[in-house]
Each structure stands twice: as C-alpha cells, then as structure tokens.
C-alpha cells in the first residue's frame, strides 16, 4: 500500500482521519504544541485497518504524523507532559464547530485521557511517514468507544 496522505478542512474530513487513526498508539513525548506557530503535532503508530480488512489476518502498524494548524490553545485531561514515555491509545478524533469556522478538536484516548484543541478553523494534515511493521493482534475496544460517545 502507498503512503497515505489526507487533509481535513471540515467535520466529514476529520471523521475519515479519525477512522484511520482509530487504535493508534502515541507516546506523550511525541506530542508537540508550538503556540508561537499556532501548531500542534503528534506522531503515532497507527493500526493499518485497511490492510487488516483486506487480508483478515495481516496485522501491521505504520508511523504517521498528524498536524493541526491555526491552534489557539490546548488543554489535556489525564495526560502528564512530565512522563514522556507514557503510551496513549487513540480512540477517536472529533470536531465541533463553535462560531463558524472556529471550533474544538477533541482527541479521545482510552482510560479517559483527552486533548482538546481550540482552533480558528479546521486545518489538519495526516501523513504516513514510511515505516511499516507487523503486529500480532487486532485491537478490540468497541464498548469503550461507544461509552465515550454516550
């Protein structure tokens, strides 16, 4: 499979990115907030759902970057920047519009952890970085995602 690159400019676009990032693992140390540039970036090891659906048993992960521009502020819940080795499991990325085109992006992680980005407008880039490696298991968490969405 070729490297995947996506851009999100609206709620429908971010839903596609969220689907590709479901079950990505992120180290706290791979999360960077650059307030002077209004930029928020994270690197993740995403589960390759497309490969798993096509083969049924070929499970793998890919290194991926996610960049948000025009970010005005970042808040976190149950995430400590003092422990960069902590691994988070990303469940979903959602956007809610406040005063068009501004809004809030929420990155929801297992265990009740979350990041909330206040954005001028939705401007997101998702890009696979290249490395791919096999993994032995397919993630399962449907009950936890359903509980988060209420």
C-alpha atoms as a PDB file:
ATOM      1  CA  UNK A   1       0.000   0.000   0.000  1.00  0.00           C
ATOM      2  CA  UNK A   2       1.199   3.501  -0.804  1.00  0.00           C
ATOM      3  CA  UNK A   3       1.776   6.064   1.892  1.00  0.00           C
ATOM      4  CA  UNK A   4      -1.498   7.680   2.894  1.00  0.00           C
ATOM      5  CA  UNK A   5      -1.821  11.487   2.964  1.00  0.00           C
ATOM      6  CA  UNK A   6      -5.045  13.213   3.940  1.00  0.00           C
ATOM      7  CA  UNK A   7      -6.209  16.766   4.620  1.00  0.00           C
ATOM      8  CA  UNK A   8      -9.180  17.711   6.792  1.00  0.00           C
ATOM      9  CA  UNK A   9     -10.998  21.015   6.406  1.00  0.00           C
ATOM     10  CA  UNK A  10     -14.433  20.039   7.763  1.00  0.00           C
ATOM     11  CA  UNK A  11     -16.230  17.621  10.077  1.00  0.00           C
ATOM     12  CA  UNK A  12     -16.627  14.937   7.387  1.00  0.00           C
ATOM     13  CA  UNK A  13     -12.908  15.060   6.567  1.00  0.00           C
ATOM     14  CA  UNK A  14     -11.906  14.700  10.216  1.00  0.00           C
ATOM     15  CA  UNK A  15     -14.164  11.644  10.512  1.00  0.00           C
ATOM     16  CA  UNK A  16     -12.115   9.945   7.765  1.00  0.00           C
ATOM     17  CA  UNK A  17      -8.867  10.785   9.547  1.00  0.00           C
ATOM     18  CA  UNK A  18     -10.336   9.539  12.822  1.00  0.00           C
ATOM     19  CA  UNK A  19     -11.205   6.194  11.222  1.00  0.00           C
ATOM     20  CA  UNK A  20      -7.624   5.755  10.016  1.00  0.00           C
ATOM     21  CA  UNK A  21      -6.214   6.719  13.430  1.00  0.00           C
ATOM     22  CA  UNK A  22      -8.515   4.505  15.491  1.00  0.00           C
ATOM     23  CA  UNK A  23      -6.298   2.468  17.847  1.00  0.00           C
ATOM     24  CA  UNK A  24      -3.134   4.405  17.076  1.00  0.00           C
ATOM     25  CA  UNK A  25      -0.639   4.424  19.933  1.00  0.00           C
ATOM     26  CA  UNK A  26       1.012   7.712  20.850  1.00  0.00           C
ATOM     27  CA  UNK A  27       3.818   8.413  23.301  1.00  0.00           C
ATOM     28  CA  UNK A  28       3.303  11.593  25.303  1.00  0.00           C
ATOM     29  CA  UNK A  29       6.829  12.609  24.256  1.00  0.00           C
ATOM     30  CA  UNK A  30       5.697  12.518  20.599  1.00  0.00           C
ATOM     31  CA  UNK A  31       3.126  15.276  21.184  1.00  0.00           C
ATOM     32  CA  UNK A  32       4.308  18.820  20.431  1.00  0.00           C
ATOM     33  CA  UNK A  33       2.438  22.100  20.943  1.00  0.00           C
ATOM     34  CA  UNK A  34       4.057  25.112  19.258  1.00  0.00           C
ATOM     35  CA  UNK A  35       1.998  28.104  20.450  1.00  0.00           C
ATOM     36  CA  UNK A  36       4.088  30.712  18.592  1.00  0.00           C
ATOM     37  CA  UNK A  37       3.321  28.912  15.315  1.00  0.00           C
ATOM     38  CA  UNK A  38      -0.250  28.007  16.318  1.00  0.00           C
ATOM     39  CA  UNK A  39       0.661  24.411  15.508  1.00  0.00           C
ATOM     40  CA  UNK A  40       0.012  21.102  17.257  1.00  0.00           C
ATOM     41  CA  UNK A  41       1.751  17.941  16.005  1.00  0.00           C
ATOM     42  CA  UNK A  42       1.803  14.343  17.107  1.00  0.00           C
ATOM     43  CA  UNK A  43       3.476  11.207  15.818  1.00  0.00           C
ATOM     44  CA  UNK A  44       1.627   7.920  16.169  1.00  0.00           C
ATOM     45  CA  UNK A  45       1.950   4.257  15.376  1.00  0.00           C
ATOM     46  CA  UNK A  46      -1.392   3.663  13.703  1.00  0.00           C
ATOM     47  CA  UNK A  47      -3.025   0.296  13.199  1.00  0.00           C
ATOM     48  CA  UNK A  48      -3.456  -0.304   9.447  1.00  0.00           C
ATOM     49  CA  UNK A  49      -7.181  -1.090   9.318  1.00  0.00           C
ATOM     50  CA  UNK A  50      -7.243  -1.223   5.513  1.00  0.00           C
ATOM     51  CA  UNK A  51      -4.619  -3.991   5.388  1.00  0.00           C
ATOM     52  CA  UNK A  52      -6.428  -5.915   8.148  1.00  0.00           C
ATOM     53  CA  UNK A  53      -9.769  -5.733   6.306  1.00  0.00           C
ATOM     54  CA  UNK A  54      -8.239  -6.812   3.005  1.00  0.00           C
ATOM     55  CA  UNK A  55      -6.318  -9.795   4.356  1.00  0.00           C
ATOM     56  CA  UNK A  56      -8.214 -10.691   7.519  1.00  0.00           C
ATOM     57  CA  UNK A  57      -5.030 -11.689   9.341  1.00  0.00           C
ATOM     58  CA  UNK A  58      -2.220  -9.414   8.107  1.00  0.00           C
ATOM     59  CA  UNK A  59      -1.993  -7.012  11.058  1.00  0.00           C
ATOM     60  CA  UNK A  60       0.513  -4.162  10.938  1.00  0.00           C
ATOM     61  CA  UNK A  61       1.244  -0.672  12.162  1.00  0.00           C
ATOM     62  CA  UNK A  62       2.559   2.407  10.351  1.00  0.00           C
ATOM     63  CA  UNK A  63       4.356   5.514  11.605  1.00  0.00           C
ATOM     64  CA  UNK A  64       2.105   8.513  10.971  1.00  0.00           C
ATOM     65  CA  UNK A  65       2.179  12.245  11.682  1.00  0.00           C
ATOM     66  CA  UNK A  66      -0.853  14.410  12.420  1.00  0.00           C
ATOM     67  CA  UNK A  67      -0.541  18.204  12.205  1.00  0.00           C
ATOM     68  CA  UNK A  68      -3.116  20.803  13.237  1.00  0.00           C
ATOM     69  CA  UNK A  69      -2.588  24.417  12.167  1.00  0.00           C
ATOM     70  CA  UNK A  70      -4.328  27.570  13.468  1.00  0.00           C
ATOM     71  CA  UNK A  71      -4.481  26.177  17.001  1.00  0.00           C
ATOM     72  CA  UNK A  72      -5.244  28.825  19.623  1.00  0.00           C
ATOM     73  CA  UNK A  73      -4.952  26.677  22.733  1.00  0.00           C
ATOM     74  CA  UNK A  74      -4.513  23.132  24.027  1.00  0.00           C
ATOM     75  CA  UNK A  75      -5.930  21.522  27.154  1.00  0.00           C
ATOM     76  CA  UNK A  76      -5.358  17.994  28.381  1.00  0.00           C
ATOM     77  CA  UNK A  77      -7.144  15.595  30.729  1.00  0.00           C
ATOM     78  CA  UNK A  78      -5.416  12.642  32.403  1.00  0.00           C
ATOM     79  CA  UNK A  79      -2.186  13.229  30.428  1.00  0.00           C
ATOM     80  CA  UNK A  80       1.027  14.332  32.127  1.00  0.00           C
ATOM     81  CA  UNK A  81       3.659  16.011  29.959  1.00  0.00           C
ATOM     82  CA  UNK A  82       6.140  15.181  32.745  1.00  0.00           C
ATOM     83  CA  UNK A  83       6.067  11.499  31.731  1.00  0.00           C
ATOM     84  CA  UNK A  84       7.046  11.404  28.020  1.00  0.00           C
ATOM     85  CA  UNK A  85       7.261   7.576  27.968  1.00  0.00           C
ATOM     86  CA  UNK A  86       3.540   7.145  28.730  1.00  0.00           C
ATOM     87  CA  UNK A  87       1.744   5.422  25.855  1.00  0.00           C
ATOM     88  CA  UNK A  88      -1.782   6.537  24.931  1.00  0.00           C
ATOM     89  CA  UNK A  89      -4.281   4.603  22.806  1.00  0.00           C
ATOM     90  CA  UNK A  90      -6.156   6.967  20.467  1.00  0.00           C
ATOM     91  CA  UNK A  91      -9.826   6.067  20.076  1.00  0.00           C
ATOM     92  CA  UNK A  92     -11.249   8.963  18.056  1.00  0.00           C
ATOM     93  CA  UNK A  93     -10.723  12.494  16.740  1.00  0.00           C
ATOM     94  CA  UNK A  94     -13.788  14.738  16.614  1.00  0.00           C
ATOM     95  CA  UNK A  95     -14.523  18.335  15.634  1.00  0.00           C
ATOM     96  CA  UNK A  96     -17.335  20.509  16.940  1.00  0.00           C
ATOM     97  CA  UNK A  97     -17.880  23.904  15.392  1.00  0.00           C
ATOM     98  CA  UNK A  98     -18.444  26.781  17.823  1.00  0.00           C
ATOM     99  CA  UNK A  99     -18.568  30.034  15.878  1.00  0.00           C
ATOM    100  CA  UNK A 100     -18.055  29.123  12.211  1.00  0.00           C
ATOM    101  CA  UNK A 101     -15.329  28.378  11.203  1.00  0.00           C
ATOM    102  CA  UNK A 102     -13.751  28.113  14.682  1.00  0.00           C
ATOM    103  CA  UNK A 103     -14.301  25.162  16.953  1.00  0.00           C
ATOM    104  CA  UNK A 104     -12.877  22.445  19.120  1.00  0.00           C
ATOM    105  CA  UNK A 105     -10.987  19.308  18.132  1.00  0.00           C
ATOM    106  CA  UNK A 106     -11.043  16.535  20.723  1.00  0.00           C
ATOM    107  CA  UNK A 107      -8.615  13.633  20.624  1.00  0.00           C
ATOM    108  CA  UNK A 108     -10.040  10.887  22.856  1.00  0.00           C
ATOM    109  CA  UNK A 109      -7.789   8.223  24.320  1.00  0.00           C
ATOM    110  CA  UNK A 110      -8.552   5.096  26.317  1.00  0.00           C
ATOM    111  CA  UNK A 111      -8.638   5.440  30.093  1.00  0.00           C
ATOM    112  CA  UNK A 112     -10.452   8.797  29.926  1.00  0.00           C
ATOM    113  CA  UNK A 113      -7.457  10.765  28.637  1.00  0.00           C
ATOM    114  CA  UNK A 114      -8.147  13.540  26.136  1.00  0.00           C
ATOM    115  CA  UNK A 115      -6.626  16.503  24.339  1.00  0.00           C
ATOM    116  CA  UNK A 116      -8.779  19.480  23.409  1.00  0.00           C
ATOM    117  CA  UNK A 117      -7.595  21.908  20.742  1.00  0.00           C
ATOM    118  CA  UNK A 118      -9.260  25.282  20.271  1.00  0.00           C
ATOM    119  CA  UNK A 119      -8.877  26.136  16.569  1.00  0.00           C
ATOM    120  CA  UNK A 120      -9.504  29.217  14.424  1.00  0.00           C
ATOM    121  CA  UNK A 121     -10.668  26.811  11.746  1.00  0.00           C
ATOM    122  CA  UNK A 122     -10.127  23.154  10.955  1.00  0.00           C
ATOM    123  CA  UNK A 123      -6.842  22.721   9.085  1.00  0.00           C
ATOM    124  CA  UNK A 124      -5.349  19.246   9.550  1.00  0.00           C
ATOM    125  CA  UNK A 125      -2.796  17.150   7.682  1.00  0.00           C
ATOM    126  CA  UNK A 126      -2.337  13.402   8.179  1.00  0.00           C
ATOM    127  CA  UNK A 127       0.678  11.695   6.575  1.00  0.00           C
ATOM    128  CA  UNK A 128       2.196   8.234   6.776  1.00  0.00           C
ATOM    129  CA  UNK A 129       5.945   8.557   7.277  1.00  0.00           C
ATOM    130  CA  UNK A 130       7.061   5.250   5.814  1.00  0.00           C
ATOM    131  CA  UNK A 131       7.985   2.564   8.339  1.00  0.00           C
ATOM    132  CA  UNK A 132       5.603  -0.415   8.494  1.00  0.00           C
ATOM    133  CA  UNK A 133       5.925  -3.422  10.786  1.00  0.00           C
ATOM    134  CA  UNK A 134       3.832  -6.493  11.616  1.00  0.00           C
ATOM    135  CA  UNK A 135       1.828  -6.746  14.823  1.00  0.00           C
ATOM    136  CA  UNK A 136       0.316  -9.912  16.240  1.00  0.00           C
ATOM    137  CA  UNK A 137      -3.142  -8.705  17.255  1.00  0.00           C
ATOM    138  CA  UNK A 138      -6.084  -6.690  16.032  1.00  0.00           C
ATOM    139  CA  UNK A 139      -7.292  -4.065  18.580  1.00  0.00           C
ATOM    140  CA  UNK A 140     -10.687  -4.531  20.222  1.00  0.00           C
ATOM    141  CA  UNK A 141     -12.398  -1.723  22.099  1.00  0.00           C
ATOM    142  CA  UNK A 142     -15.887  -1.216  20.665  1.00  0.00           C
ATOM    143  CA  UNK A 143     -17.523  -0.933  24.112  1.00  0.00           C
ATOM    144  CA  UNK A 144     -15.112   1.783  25.234  1.00  0.00           C
ATOM    145  CA  UNK A 145     -15.703   3.901  22.103  1.00  0.00           C
ATOM    146  CA  UNK A 146     -19.484   3.528  22.490  1.00  0.00           C
ATOM    147  CA  UNK A 147     -19.273   4.614  26.152  1.00  0.00           C
ATOM    148  CA  UNK A 148     -17.250   7.723  25.239  1.00  0.00           C
ATOM    149  CA  UNK A 149     -19.855   8.807  22.704  1.00  0.00           C
ATOM    150  CA  UNK A 150     -22.677   8.228  25.215  1.00  0.00           C
END
